[in-house]
Amino acid sequence: MDNEINVPVLPINFDIRLSKIAIGAPLYESEFEFGLYDNSGQKIDSAKNDANGEIKLSAEFDSPGMYKYSVKETDAPPDWETDTKEYPVEFKVSKNPQTGELTVEVEYPDGLPGFINKFKGEKCRLIEFPELTFDEPGFYEFTLKELTSSGGGWTTDDREIKVIVRVIDDGFGNLIATAEYPDDFPEFINKYKAKPAHIIISACKIAVGAPLPKGRFEFGLYDSDGKLVSTARND
């Protein structure tokens, strides 16, 4: 016991990795900010996402014990919905009595924090697929295609867009998935063009006092700017 007391504690800096998913628009580096807070509400660390949606937050411990923290999103760009969920994070810090070194185990009582933001812009209308589940780390490649055929005035966007899902293990029993778009964020563009409409405009010509010769009188059709569109004569 005396040896344990006399061994100095070596502080440890511990990182946790979380994920950010952007729906409806590309995700750029440092767009969203997140904070790690202790149980008194004091901010321990803050960080922004990288280009792949990963977030790394750090905490330093200088004594063994149980530490209950929380993580939440603190800032989002305009036109994005903020993810208001707050996730609890528990750190179990243990000391090696022989070396004084600290080790950390992390648990997420409500599941691994995964923040999801949806873009609210009017130009792009959201296409959202059902959630995918992955049981093993690795790289998973997918292809996006438009399935609807051209018709009704619309032309189909026939491009094929590659999507890569990267799944990593955080070392504490949690898999983290992020989506990457090698050819830029998927945007399918459909153009609409209706077929021309046709109409015949007619009028009546009445002759008084004499027979009406065919083609004797000419008439003009003008648009709203006064420009002559076409001409016609009586039959």
C-alpha atoms as a PDB file:
ATOM      1  CA  MET A   1       0.000   0.000   0.000  1.00  0.00           C
ATOM      2  CA  ASP A   2       2.844   2.379   0.804  1.00  0.00           C
ATOM      3  CA  ASN A   3       4.275   1.823  -2.660  1.00  0.00           C
ATOM      4  CA  GLU A   4       0.939   2.745  -4.252  1.00  0.00           C
ATOM      5  CA  ILE A   5       0.672   5.967  -2.278  1.00  0.00           C
ATOM      6  CA  ASN A   6       4.202   7.084  -3.107  1.00  0.00           C
ATOM      7  CA  VAL A   7       3.962   6.471  -6.852  1.00  0.00           C
ATOM      8  CA  PRO A   8       3.119   9.796  -8.535  1.00  0.00           C
ATOM      9  CA  VAL A   9       0.110   9.878 -10.832  1.00  0.00           C
ATOM     10  CA  LEU A  10       0.871  10.527 -14.495  1.00  0.00           C
ATOM     11  CA  PRO A  11      -1.923  12.624 -16.085  1.00  0.00           C
ATOM     12  CA  ILE A  12      -3.459  11.310 -19.275  1.00  0.00           C
ATOM     13  CA  ASN A  13      -5.007  13.118 -22.230  1.00  0.00           C
ATOM     14  CA  PHE A  14      -7.786  11.037 -23.781  1.00  0.00           C
ATOM     15  CA  ASP A  15      -9.518  11.533 -27.150  1.00  0.00           C
ATOM     16  CA  ILE A  16     -12.992  10.482 -28.193  1.00  0.00           C
ATOM     17  CA  ARG A  17     -14.062  10.306 -31.843  1.00  0.00           C
ATOM     18  CA  LEU A  18     -17.598  11.042 -32.962  1.00  0.00           C
ATOM     19  CA  SER A  19     -19.345  11.360 -36.302  1.00  0.00           C
ATOM     20  CA  LYS A  20     -21.267  14.050 -38.143  1.00  0.00           C
ATOM     21  CA  ILE A  21     -23.683  13.246 -40.979  1.00  0.00           C
ATOM     22  CA  ALA A  22     -24.814  15.969 -43.374  1.00  0.00           C
ATOM     23  CA  ILE A  23     -28.023  15.341 -45.328  1.00  0.00           C
ATOM     24  CA  GLY A  24     -29.010  17.344 -48.391  1.00  0.00           C
ATOM     25  CA  ALA A  25     -25.764  19.244 -49.073  1.00  0.00           C
ATOM     26  CA  PRO A  26     -21.983  18.715 -49.027  1.00  0.00           C
ATOM     27  CA  LEU A  27     -20.157  18.638 -45.701  1.00  0.00           C
ATOM     28  CA  TYR A  28     -17.134  20.916 -45.488  1.00  0.00           C
ATOM     29  CA  GLU A  29     -14.361  20.996 -42.940  1.00  0.00           C
ATOM     30  CA  SER A  30     -14.988  23.070 -39.776  1.00  0.00           C
ATOM     31  CA  GLU A  31     -18.638  23.855 -40.594  1.00  0.00           C
ATOM     32  CA  PHE A  32     -20.070  22.518 -37.309  1.00  0.00           C
ATOM     33  CA  GLU A  33     -18.784  22.967 -33.758  1.00  0.00           C
ATOM     34  CA  PHE A  34     -19.173  20.642 -30.773  1.00  0.00           C
ATOM     35  CA  GLY A  35     -18.443  20.849 -27.084  1.00  0.00           C
ATOM     36  CA  LEU A  36     -17.533  18.398 -24.305  1.00  0.00           C
ATOM     37  CA  TYR A  37     -18.919  19.418 -20.891  1.00  0.00           C
ATOM     38  CA  ASP A  38     -18.457  18.123 -17.346  1.00  0.00           C
ATOM     39  CA  ASN A  39     -21.382  17.468 -14.988  1.00  0.00           C
ATOM     40  CA  SER A  40     -21.319  21.087 -13.754  1.00  0.00           C
ATOM     41  CA  GLY A  41     -21.775  22.419 -17.304  1.00  0.00           C
ATOM     42  CA  GLN A  42     -18.202  23.637 -17.694  1.00  0.00           C
ATOM     43  CA  LYS A  43     -16.803  23.257 -21.197  1.00  0.00           C
ATOM     44  CA  ILE A  44     -13.838  20.879 -21.214  1.00  0.00           C
ATOM     45  CA  ASP A  45     -13.050  21.009 -24.921  1.00  0.00           C
ATOM     46  CA  SER A  46     -14.491  22.110 -28.249  1.00  0.00           C
ATOM     47  CA  ALA A  47     -13.822  20.929 -31.789  1.00  0.00           C
ATOM     48  CA  LYS A  48     -15.091  21.179 -35.351  1.00  0.00           C
ATOM     49  CA  ASN A  49     -15.744  18.422 -37.870  1.00  0.00           C
ATOM     50  CA  ASP A  50     -13.218  17.426 -40.497  1.00  0.00           C
ATOM     51  CA  ALA A  51     -14.089  17.019 -44.174  1.00  0.00           C
ATOM     52  CA  ASN A  52     -15.124  13.377 -43.608  1.00  0.00           C
ATOM     53  CA  GLY A  53     -17.473  14.182 -40.727  1.00  0.00           C
ATOM     54  CA  GLU A  54     -15.200  13.025 -37.905  1.00  0.00           C
ATOM     55  CA  ILE A  55     -15.016  14.967 -34.639  1.00  0.00           C
ATOM     56  CA  LYS A  56     -12.267  14.575 -32.057  1.00  0.00           C
ATOM     57  CA  LEU A  57     -12.731  15.880 -28.505  1.00  0.00           C
ATOM     58  CA  SER A  58     -10.155  15.616 -25.719  1.00  0.00           C
ATOM     59  CA  ALA A  59     -10.230  15.457 -21.929  1.00  0.00           C
ATOM     60  CA  GLU A  60      -7.349  15.369 -19.448  1.00  0.00           C
ATOM     61  CA  PHE A  61      -7.478  13.324 -16.241  1.00  0.00           C
ATOM     62  CA  ASP A  62      -5.032  13.500 -13.323  1.00  0.00           C
ATOM     63  CA  SER A  63      -6.708  11.125 -10.855  1.00  0.00           C
ATOM     64  CA  PRO A  64      -8.677   7.872 -10.982  1.00  0.00           C
ATOM     65  CA  GLY A  65     -12.451   7.895 -10.726  1.00  0.00           C
ATOM     66  CA  MET A  66     -15.721   7.990 -12.664  1.00  0.00           C
ATOM     67  CA  TYR A  67     -16.305  11.142 -14.722  1.00  0.00           C
ATOM     68  CA  LYS A  68     -19.709  11.893 -16.238  1.00  0.00           C
ATOM     69  CA  TYR A  69     -19.544  14.289 -19.161  1.00  0.00           C
ATOM     70  CA  SER A  70     -21.805  15.183 -22.072  1.00  0.00           C
ATOM     71  CA  VAL A  71     -21.269  16.205 -25.676  1.00  0.00           C
ATOM     72  CA  LYS A  72     -23.469  18.397 -27.853  1.00  0.00           C
ATOM     73  CA  GLU A  73     -23.480  20.462 -31.017  1.00  0.00           C
ATOM     74  CA  THR A  74     -22.924  24.154 -30.310  1.00  0.00           C
ATOM     75  CA  ASP A  75     -22.893  25.829 -33.716  1.00  0.00           C
ATOM     76  CA  ALA A  76     -24.199  25.176 -37.228  1.00  0.00           C
ATOM     77  CA  PRO A  77     -24.074  27.265 -40.438  1.00  0.00           C
ATOM     78  CA  PRO A  78     -27.122  29.141 -41.790  1.00  0.00           C
ATOM     79  CA  ASP A  79     -29.645  27.002 -43.705  1.00  0.00           C
ATOM     80  CA  TRP A  80     -28.788  23.945 -41.606  1.00  0.00           C
ATOM     81  CA  GLU A  81     -30.940  22.434 -38.875  1.00  0.00           C
ATOM     82  CA  THR A  82     -29.007  22.174 -35.611  1.00  0.00           C
ATOM     83  CA  ASP A  83     -28.933  18.726 -34.003  1.00  0.00           C
ATOM     84  CA  THR A  84     -30.131  19.493 -30.464  1.00  0.00           C
ATOM     85  CA  LYS A  85     -29.407  16.077 -28.927  1.00  0.00           C
ATOM     86  CA  GLU A  86     -27.062  15.925 -25.947  1.00  0.00           C
ATOM     87  CA  TYR A  87     -25.223  12.642 -25.396  1.00  0.00           C
ATOM     88  CA  PRO A  88     -23.869  11.489 -22.023  1.00  0.00           C
ATOM     89  CA  VAL A  89     -20.279  10.234 -21.965  1.00  0.00           C
ATOM     90  CA  GLU A  90     -18.808   8.308 -19.008  1.00  0.00           C
ATOM     91  CA  PHE A  91     -15.082   7.946 -18.408  1.00  0.00           C
ATOM     92  CA  LYS A  92     -13.721   5.324 -16.049  1.00  0.00           C
ATOM     93  CA  VAL A  93     -10.174   6.302 -15.072  1.00  0.00           C
ATOM     94  CA  SER A  94      -7.997   3.671 -13.351  1.00  0.00           C
ATOM     95  CA  LYS A  95      -4.510   3.898 -11.899  1.00  0.00           C
ATOM     96  CA  ASN A  96      -1.739   1.340 -12.187  1.00  0.00           C
ATOM     97  CA  PRO A  97      -0.489   1.088  -8.567  1.00  0.00           C
ATOM     98  CA  GLN A  98       3.008   0.112  -9.681  1.00  0.00           C
ATOM     99  CA  THR A  99       3.663   2.747 -12.347  1.00  0.00           C
ATOM    100  CA  GLY A 100       1.206   5.501 -11.526  1.00  0.00           C
ATOM    101  CA  GLU A 101      -0.055   5.464 -15.093  1.00  0.00           C
ATOM    102  CA  LEU A 102      -3.720   6.177 -15.705  1.00  0.00           C
ATOM    103  CA  THR A 103      -5.879   4.272 -18.173  1.00  0.00           C
ATOM    104  CA  VAL A 104      -9.260   5.361 -19.480  1.00  0.00           C
ATOM    105  CA  GLU A 105     -12.325   3.452 -20.596  1.00  0.00           C
ATOM    106  CA  VAL A 106     -15.239   5.272 -22.197  1.00  0.00           C
ATOM    107  CA  GLU A 107     -18.920   4.354 -22.356  1.00  0.00           C
ATOM    108  CA  TYR A 108     -21.884   5.993 -24.081  1.00  0.00           C
ATOM    109  CA  PRO A 109     -25.057   5.214 -22.082  1.00  0.00           C
ATOM    110  CA  ASP A 110     -27.348   6.444 -24.876  1.00  0.00           C
ATOM    111  CA  GLY A 111     -25.259   5.034 -27.697  1.00  0.00           C
ATOM    112  CA  LEU A 112     -22.348   6.435 -29.658  1.00  0.00           C
ATOM    113  CA  PRO A 113     -22.967  10.133 -30.372  1.00  0.00           C
ATOM    114  CA  GLY A 114     -23.817  10.681 -34.023  1.00  0.00           C
ATOM    115  CA  PHE A 115     -24.959  14.151 -35.017  1.00  0.00           C
ATOM    116  CA  ILE A 116     -27.224  14.548 -38.052  1.00  0.00           C
ATOM    117  CA  ASN A 117     -27.906  17.862 -39.777  1.00  0.00           C
ATOM    118  CA  LYS A 118     -30.312  18.483 -42.643  1.00  0.00           C
ATOM    119  CA  PHE A 119     -29.892  21.281 -45.146  1.00  0.00           C
ATOM    120  CA  LYS A 120     -32.939  23.568 -45.414  1.00  0.00           C
ATOM    121  CA  GLY A 121     -32.187  25.304 -48.723  1.00  0.00           C
ATOM    122  CA  GLU A 122     -34.962  25.669 -51.297  1.00  0.00           C
ATOM    123  CA  LYS A 123     -32.886  24.858 -54.398  1.00  0.00           C
ATOM    124  CA  CYS A 124     -32.087  21.273 -53.460  1.00  0.00           C
ATOM    125  CA  ARG A 125     -34.938  18.941 -52.522  1.00  0.00           C
ATOM    126  CA  LEU A 126     -33.841  16.185 -50.168  1.00  0.00           C
ATOM    127  CA  ILE A 127     -33.351  12.554 -51.242  1.00  0.00           C
ATOM    128  CA  GLU A 128     -32.900  10.461 -48.090  1.00  0.00           C
ATOM    129  CA  PHE A 129     -32.352   6.697 -48.163  1.00  0.00           C
ATOM    130  CA  PRO A 130     -33.157   4.395 -45.215  1.00  0.00           C
ATOM    131  CA  GLU A 131     -30.411   3.973 -42.647  1.00  0.00           C
ATOM    132  CA  LEU A 132     -27.698   1.391 -43.368  1.00  0.00           C
ATOM    133  CA  THR A 133     -26.097  -0.811 -40.683  1.00  0.00           C
ATOM    134  CA  PHE A 134     -22.506  -2.095 -40.766  1.00  0.00           C
ATOM    135  CA  ASP A 135     -21.128  -4.827 -38.513  1.00  0.00           C
ATOM    136  CA  GLU A 136     -17.479  -4.738 -39.585  1.00  0.00           C
ATOM    137  CA  PRO A 137     -14.882  -1.988 -40.143  1.00  0.00           C
ATOM    138  CA  GLY A 138     -13.902  -1.360 -43.734  1.00  0.00           C
ATOM    139  CA  PHE A 139     -14.639   0.597 -46.886  1.00  0.00           C
ATOM    140  CA  TYR A 140     -17.978   0.004 -48.594  1.00  0.00           C
ATOM    141  CA  GLU A 141     -18.608   1.308 -52.099  1.00  0.00           C
ATOM    142  CA  PHE A 142     -22.052   2.183 -53.449  1.00  0.00           C
ATOM    143  CA  THR A 143     -23.455   3.814 -56.587  1.00  0.00           C
ATOM    144  CA  LEU A 144     -26.362   6.258 -56.795  1.00  0.00           C
ATOM    145  CA  LYS A 145     -28.598   6.189 -59.876  1.00  0.00           C
ATOM    146  CA  GLU A 146     -31.867   7.799 -60.866  1.00  0.00           C
ATOM    147  CA  LEU A 147     -34.422   5.105 -61.681  1.00  0.00           C
ATOM    148  CA  THR A 148     -37.343   7.136 -63.044  1.00  0.00           C
ATOM    149  CA  SER A 149     -37.582   7.164 -66.857  1.00  0.00           C
ATOM    150  CA  SER A 150     -37.911  10.345 -68.839  1.00  0.00           C
ATOM    151  CA  GLY A 151     -41.479  11.390 -69.552  1.00  0.00           C
ATOM    152  CA  GLY A 152     -44.184  13.896 -68.830  1.00  0.00           C
ATOM    153  CA  GLY A 153     -41.892  16.720 -69.903  1.00  0.00           C
ATOM    154  CA  TRP A 154     -39.043  15.646 -67.599  1.00  0.00           C
ATOM    155  CA  THR A 155     -35.651  14.299 -68.660  1.00  0.00           C
ATOM    156  CA  THR A 156     -33.870  11.727 -66.475  1.00  0.00           C
ATOM    157  CA  ASP A 157     -30.406  12.481 -65.106  1.00  0.00           C
ATOM    158  CA  ASP A 158     -28.516   9.346 -66.208  1.00  0.00           C
ATOM    159  CA  ARG A 159     -25.296   9.951 -64.252  1.00  0.00           C
ATOM    160  CA  GLU A 160     -23.977   7.362 -61.796  1.00  0.00           C
ATOM    161  CA  ILE A 161     -22.470   8.835 -58.618  1.00  0.00           C
ATOM    162  CA  LYS A 162     -20.084   6.915 -56.376  1.00  0.00           C
ATOM    163  CA  VAL A 163     -20.487   6.858 -52.576  1.00  0.00           C
ATOM    164  CA  ILE A 164     -17.924   5.378 -50.181  1.00  0.00           C
ATOM    165  CA  VAL A 165     -18.832   4.559 -46.574  1.00  0.00           C
ATOM    166  CA  ARG A 166     -15.817   4.341 -44.250  1.00  0.00           C
ATOM    167  CA  VAL A 167     -16.371   2.337 -41.051  1.00  0.00           C
ATOM    168  CA  ILE A 168     -13.753   2.480 -38.278  1.00  0.00           C
ATOM    169  CA  ASP A 169     -13.518   0.961 -34.792  1.00  0.00           C
ATOM    170  CA  ASP A 170     -12.899   3.482 -31.990  1.00  0.00           C
ATOM    171  CA  GLY A 171     -11.256   0.782 -29.865  1.00  0.00           C
ATOM    172  CA  PHE A 172     -14.020   0.762 -27.240  1.00  0.00           C
ATOM    173  CA  GLY A 173     -16.585  -1.424 -28.927  1.00  0.00           C
ATOM    174  CA  ASN A 174     -18.095   1.219 -31.213  1.00  0.00           C
ATOM    175  CA  LEU A 175     -18.083   1.420 -34.991  1.00  0.00           C
ATOM    176  CA  ILE A 176     -18.166   4.872 -36.580  1.00  0.00           C
ATOM    177  CA  ALA A 177     -19.441   5.318 -40.158  1.00  0.00           C
ATOM    178  CA  THR A 178     -18.831   8.321 -42.386  1.00  0.00           C
ATOM    179  CA  ALA A 179     -19.817   8.899 -46.019  1.00  0.00           C
ATOM    180  CA  GLU A 180     -17.441  10.186 -48.679  1.00  0.00           C
ATOM    181  CA  TYR A 181     -18.271  11.377 -52.201  1.00  0.00           C
ATOM    182  CA  PRO A 182     -15.193  11.074 -54.491  1.00  0.00           C
ATOM    183  CA  ASP A 183     -16.926  12.884 -57.371  1.00  0.00           C
ATOM    184  CA  ASP A 184     -18.412  15.658 -55.212  1.00  0.00           C
ATOM    185  CA  PHE A 185     -21.746  15.663 -53.393  1.00  0.00           C
ATOM    186  CA  PRO A 186     -24.562  13.958 -55.366  1.00  0.00           C
ATOM    187  CA  GLU A 187     -26.847  16.406 -57.155  1.00  0.00           C
ATOM    188  CA  PHE A 188     -29.263  15.016 -59.709  1.00  0.00           C
ATOM    189  CA  ILE A 189     -30.543  17.613 -62.168  1.00  0.00           C
ATOM    190  CA  ASN A 190     -33.805  17.113 -64.048  1.00  0.00           C
ATOM    191  CA  LYS A 191     -34.947  19.509 -66.739  1.00  0.00           C
ATOM    192  CA  TYR A 192     -38.590  20.106 -67.550  1.00  0.00           C
ATOM    193  CA  LYS A 193     -39.820  21.245 -70.948  1.00  0.00           C
ATOM    194  CA  ALA A 194     -43.454  20.996 -72.021  1.00  0.00           C
ATOM    195  CA  LYS A 195     -44.451  20.294 -75.615  1.00  0.00           C
ATOM    196  CA  PRO A 196     -45.661  23.332 -77.608  1.00  0.00           C
ATOM    197  CA  ALA A 197     -49.348  24.287 -77.470  1.00  0.00           C
ATOM    198  CA  HIS A 198     -51.223  25.262 -80.638  1.00  0.00           C
ATOM    199  CA  ILE A 199     -54.211  27.523 -81.195  1.00  0.00           C
ATOM    200  CA  ILE A 200     -55.905  29.200 -84.147  1.00  0.00           C
ATOM    201  CA  ILE A 201     -57.248  32.701 -83.601  1.00  0.00           C
ATOM    202  CA  SER A 202     -60.087  33.735 -85.910  1.00  0.00           C
ATOM    203  CA  ALA A 203     -62.397  36.659 -86.496  1.00  0.00           C
ATOM    204  CA  CYS A 204     -65.338  37.521 -88.734  1.00  0.00           C
ATOM    205  CA  LYS A 205     -65.322  40.041 -91.594  1.00  0.00           C
ATOM    206  CA  ILE A 206     -68.683  41.546 -92.694  1.00  0.00           C
ATOM    207  CA  ALA A 207     -69.018  43.456 -95.955  1.00  0.00           C
ATOM    208  CA  VAL A 208     -71.935  45.931 -96.338  1.00  0.00           C
ATOM    209  CA  GLY A 209     -73.107  47.319 -99.679  1.00  0.00           C
ATOM    210  CA  ALA A 210     -71.097  45.089-101.978  1.00  0.00           C
ATOM    211  CA  PRO A 211     -69.881  41.517-102.390  1.00  0.00           C
ATOM    212  CA  LEU A 212     -66.729  40.704-100.433  1.00  0.00           C
ATOM    213  CA  PRO A 213     -63.852  39.614-102.661  1.00  0.00           C
ATOM    214  CA  LYS A 214     -61.608  36.887-101.294  1.00  0.00           C
ATOM    215  CA  GLY A 215     -58.380  38.237 -99.814  1.00  0.00           C
ATOM    216  CA  ARG A 216     -59.462  41.875-100.179  1.00  0.00           C
ATOM    217  CA  PHE A 217     -58.739  42.838 -96.566  1.00  0.00           C
ATOM    218  CA  GLU A 218     -55.644  42.103 -94.489  1.00  0.00           C
ATOM    219  CA  PHE A 219     -55.472  41.832 -90.722  1.00  0.00           C
ATOM    220  CA  GLY A 220     -52.625  41.679 -88.190  1.00  0.00           C
ATOM    221  CA  LEU A 221     -52.105  39.873 -84.876  1.00  0.00           C
ATOM    222  CA  TYR A 222     -49.884  41.792 -82.421  1.00  0.00           C
ATOM    223  CA  ASP A 223     -48.334  40.747 -79.123  1.00  0.00           C
ATOM    224  CA  SER A 224     -48.464  42.777 -75.885  1.00  0.00           C
ATOM    225  CA  ASP A 225     -45.407  44.816 -76.983  1.00  0.00           C
ATOM    226  CA  GLY A 226     -47.070  45.826 -80.220  1.00  0.00           C
ATOM    227  CA  LYS A 227     -44.936  43.515 -82.355  1.00  0.00           C
ATOM    228  CA  LEU A 228     -46.606  42.004 -85.401  1.00  0.00           C
ATOM    229  CA  VAL A 229     -46.805  38.227 -84.933  1.00  0.00           C
ATOM    230  CA  SER A 230     -48.701  37.160 -88.056  1.00  0.00           C
ATOM    231  CA  THR A 231     -51.096  38.359 -90.750  1.00  0.00           C
ATOM    232  CA  ALA A 232     -54.167  36.898 -92.438  1.00  0.00           C
ATOM    233  CA  ARG A 233     -56.730  37.840 -95.115  1.00  0.00           C
ATOM    234  CA  ASN A 234     -60.441  37.186 -95.355  1.00  0.00           C
ATOM    235  CA  ASP A 235     -61.704  34.186 -97.245  1.00  0.00           C
END
